[in-house]
Amino acid sequence: MWPRIPTLYIQTASRISLNRLLKRQFDKLKAGLVLDVGAKRSSCRDVVPHTHFLSLDIDPLSNPDICCDIHDLKWESNYFDTVVSIEVLEHLRDPGRAISQT
């Protein structure tokens, strides 16, 4: 069996650049009610200004605050001040519908 190589867990240069870009955008937001969609382990909680932070995932094993399909989100319009969805849209059958739900 091969030993584990610790460098496999180092973020790529593109991910580091994306995180920097996202942090600059998040810094422009006002604190409010934030919904993090599809986050099993939210990395946004520490960088998105919020007064209340909720996670949403379709997988109940990820223990989200809201467990549902983003295509069928049942909230009134403009309920959330900020919706964060990083690396989620490419996994959806209808990304446009999901975006219109939030």
C-alpha atoms as a PDB file:
ATOM      1  CA  MET A   1       0.000   0.000   0.000  1.00  0.00           C
ATOM      2  CA  TRP A   2       1.254   3.456  -0.920  1.00  0.00           C
ATOM      3  CA  PRO A   3       1.727   6.048   1.808  1.00  0.00           C
ATOM      4  CA  ARG A   4      -0.517   9.089   1.756  1.00  0.00           C
ATOM      5  CA  ILE A   5       1.034  12.098   0.137  1.00  0.00           C
ATOM      6  CA  PRO A   6       0.122  15.221   2.135  1.00  0.00           C
ATOM      7  CA  THR A   7       0.425  17.507  -0.906  1.00  0.00           C
ATOM      8  CA  LEU A   8      -2.789  15.998  -2.312  1.00  0.00           C
ATOM      9  CA  TYR A   9      -4.710  18.204   0.118  1.00  0.00           C
ATOM     10  CA  ILE A  10      -3.132  21.481  -0.916  1.00  0.00           C
ATOM     11  CA  GLN A  11      -5.506  23.809  -2.756  1.00  0.00           C
ATOM     12  CA  THR A  12      -4.806  24.386  -6.420  1.00  0.00           C
ATOM     13  CA  ALA A  13      -3.691  27.799  -7.642  1.00  0.00           C
ATOM     14  CA  SER A  14      -7.029  28.260  -9.417  1.00  0.00           C
ATOM     15  CA  ARG A  15      -8.938  27.496  -6.200  1.00  0.00           C
ATOM     16  CA  ILE A  16      -6.806  29.925  -4.225  1.00  0.00           C
ATOM     17  CA  SER A  17      -7.487  32.613  -6.873  1.00  0.00           C
ATOM     18  CA  LEU A  18     -11.219  31.870  -6.790  1.00  0.00           C
ATOM     19  CA  ASN A  19     -11.298  32.119  -2.994  1.00  0.00           C
ATOM     20  CA  ARG A  20      -9.564  35.500  -3.144  1.00  0.00           C
ATOM     21  CA  LEU A  21     -12.029  36.775  -5.735  1.00  0.00           C
ATOM     22  CA  LEU A  22     -15.002  35.496  -3.734  1.00  0.00           C
ATOM     23  CA  LYS A  23     -13.679  37.056  -0.528  1.00  0.00           C
ATOM     24  CA  ARG A  24     -13.452  40.472  -2.241  1.00  0.00           C
ATOM     25  CA  GLN A  25     -17.071  40.123  -3.415  1.00  0.00           C
ATOM     26  CA  PHE A  26     -18.295  38.881  -0.027  1.00  0.00           C
ATOM     27  CA  ASP A  27     -16.654  41.867   1.669  1.00  0.00           C
ATOM     28  CA  LYS A  28     -19.071  44.121  -0.265  1.00  0.00           C
ATOM     29  CA  LEU A  29     -22.169  42.439   1.243  1.00  0.00           C
ATOM     30  CA  LYS A  30     -24.195  43.641   4.200  1.00  0.00           C
ATOM     31  CA  ALA A  31     -24.830  41.165   6.986  1.00  0.00           C
ATOM     32  CA  GLY A  32     -28.207  39.450   6.752  1.00  0.00           C
ATOM     33  CA  LEU A  33     -29.904  36.100   6.263  1.00  0.00           C
ATOM     34  CA  VAL A  34     -27.608  33.892   4.158  1.00  0.00           C
ATOM     35  CA  LEU A  35     -28.483  30.625   2.437  1.00  0.00           C
ATOM     36  CA  ASP A  36     -25.567  28.403   1.409  1.00  0.00           C
ATOM     37  CA  VAL A  37     -26.835  25.935  -1.209  1.00  0.00           C
ATOM     38  CA  GLY A  38     -25.249  22.527  -1.605  1.00  0.00           C
ATOM     39  CA  ALA A  39     -22.655  22.947   1.094  1.00  0.00           C
ATOM     40  CA  LYS A  40     -21.818  19.786   2.969  1.00  0.00           C
ATOM     41  CA  ARG A  41     -19.124  21.656   4.850  1.00  0.00           C
ATOM     42  CA  SER A  42     -19.617  25.327   4.328  1.00  0.00           C
ATOM     43  CA  SER A  43     -16.414  27.233   3.809  1.00  0.00           C
ATOM     44  CA  CYS A  44     -18.415  30.439   3.379  1.00  0.00           C
ATOM     45  CA  ARG A  45     -19.667  30.782   6.938  1.00  0.00           C
ATOM     46  CA  ASP A  46     -16.445  32.495   8.007  1.00  0.00           C
ATOM     47  CA  VAL A  47     -16.229  34.909   5.065  1.00  0.00           C
ATOM     48  CA  VAL A  48     -19.837  35.878   4.215  1.00  0.00           C
ATOM     49  CA  PRO A  49     -21.233  38.597   6.492  1.00  0.00           C
ATOM     50  CA  HIS A  50     -24.381  37.270   8.115  1.00  0.00           C
ATOM     51  CA  THR A  51     -26.780  37.725  10.987  1.00  0.00           C
ATOM     52  CA  HIS A  52     -28.139  34.211  10.408  1.00  0.00           C
ATOM     53  CA  PHE A  53     -26.619  31.468   8.254  1.00  0.00           C
ATOM     54  CA  LEU A  54     -28.516  28.468   6.849  1.00  0.00           C
ATOM     55  CA  SER A  55     -27.245  25.561   4.784  1.00  0.00           C
ATOM     56  CA  LEU A  56     -29.322  23.720   2.185  1.00  0.00           C
ATOM     57  CA  ASP A  57     -28.536  20.322   0.713  1.00  0.00           C
ATOM     58  CA  ILE A  58     -30.507  17.525  -0.936  1.00  0.00           C
ATOM     59  CA  ASP A  59     -28.544  14.926   1.064  1.00  0.00           C
ATOM     60  CA  PRO A  60     -29.895  14.476   4.611  1.00  0.00           C
ATOM     61  CA  LEU A  61     -26.620  12.815   5.633  1.00  0.00           C
ATOM     62  CA  SER A  62     -24.855  16.155   5.246  1.00  0.00           C
ATOM     63  CA  ASN A  63     -27.072  17.433   8.104  1.00  0.00           C
ATOM     64  CA  PRO A  64     -28.202  20.695   6.438  1.00  0.00           C
ATOM     65  CA  ASP A  65     -30.477  23.225   8.093  1.00  0.00           C
ATOM     66  CA  ILE A  66     -32.843  22.808   5.112  1.00  0.00           C
ATOM     67  CA  CYS A  67     -33.044  19.476   3.325  1.00  0.00           C
ATOM     68  CA  CYS A  68     -34.701  19.798  -0.079  1.00  0.00           C
ATOM     69  CA  ASP A  69     -34.134  19.943  -3.822  1.00  0.00           C
ATOM     70  CA  ILE A  70     -33.129  23.452  -4.896  1.00  0.00           C
ATOM     71  CA  HIS A  71     -35.386  23.086  -7.931  1.00  0.00           C
ATOM     72  CA  ASP A  72     -38.403  23.068  -5.586  1.00  0.00           C
ATOM     73  CA  LEU A  73     -37.454  25.621  -2.969  1.00  0.00           C
ATOM     74  CA  LYS A  74     -40.617  26.983  -1.334  1.00  0.00           C
ATOM     75  CA  TRP A  75     -39.724  30.419   0.002  1.00  0.00           C
ATOM     76  CA  GLU A  76     -41.217  33.794  -0.734  1.00  0.00           C
ATOM     77  CA  SER A  77     -39.297  36.009  -3.145  1.00  0.00           C
ATOM     78  CA  ASN A  78     -36.373  37.952  -1.671  1.00  0.00           C
ATOM     79  CA  TYR A  79     -36.591  36.051   1.629  1.00  0.00           C
ATOM     80  CA  PHE A  80     -32.820  35.610   1.814  1.00  0.00           C
ATOM     81  CA  ASP A  81     -30.477  38.570   1.731  1.00  0.00           C
ATOM     82  CA  THR A  82     -27.686  36.490   0.166  1.00  0.00           C
ATOM     83  CA  VAL A  83     -27.674  33.091  -1.540  1.00  0.00           C
ATOM     84  CA  VAL A  84     -24.312  31.395  -2.023  1.00  0.00           C
ATOM     85  CA  SER A  85     -24.006  28.474  -4.410  1.00  0.00           C
ATOM     86  CA  ILE A  86     -20.432  27.482  -5.148  1.00  0.00           C
ATOM     87  CA  GLU A  87     -19.754  24.471  -7.376  1.00  0.00           C
ATOM     88  CA  VAL A  88     -23.426  23.453  -7.414  1.00  0.00           C
ATOM     89  CA  LEU A  89     -25.033  24.651 -10.644  1.00  0.00           C
ATOM     90  CA  GLU A  90     -23.106  22.215 -12.847  1.00  0.00           C
ATOM     91  CA  HIS A  91     -24.754  19.323 -10.970  1.00  0.00           C
ATOM     92  CA  LEU A  92     -28.354  20.452 -11.530  1.00  0.00           C
ATOM     93  CA  ARG A  93     -30.763  19.241 -14.210  1.00  0.00           C
ATOM     94  CA  ASP A  94     -32.168  22.767 -14.673  1.00  0.00           C
ATOM     95  CA  PRO A  95     -29.828  25.464 -13.308  1.00  0.00           C
ATOM     96  CA  GLY A  96     -32.045  28.294 -14.571  1.00  0.00           C
ATOM     97  CA  ARG A  97     -35.012  27.013 -12.582  1.00  0.00           C
ATOM     98  CA  ALA A  98     -32.875  26.616  -9.489  1.00  0.00           C
ATOM     99  CA  ILE A  99     -31.619  30.198  -9.767  1.00  0.00           C
ATOM    100  CA  SER A 100     -35.167  31.503 -10.192  1.00  0.00           C
ATOM    101  CA  GLN A 101     -36.176  29.688  -6.992  1.00  0.00           C
ATOM    102  CA  THR A 102     -33.787  31.691  -4.892  1.00  0.00           C
END
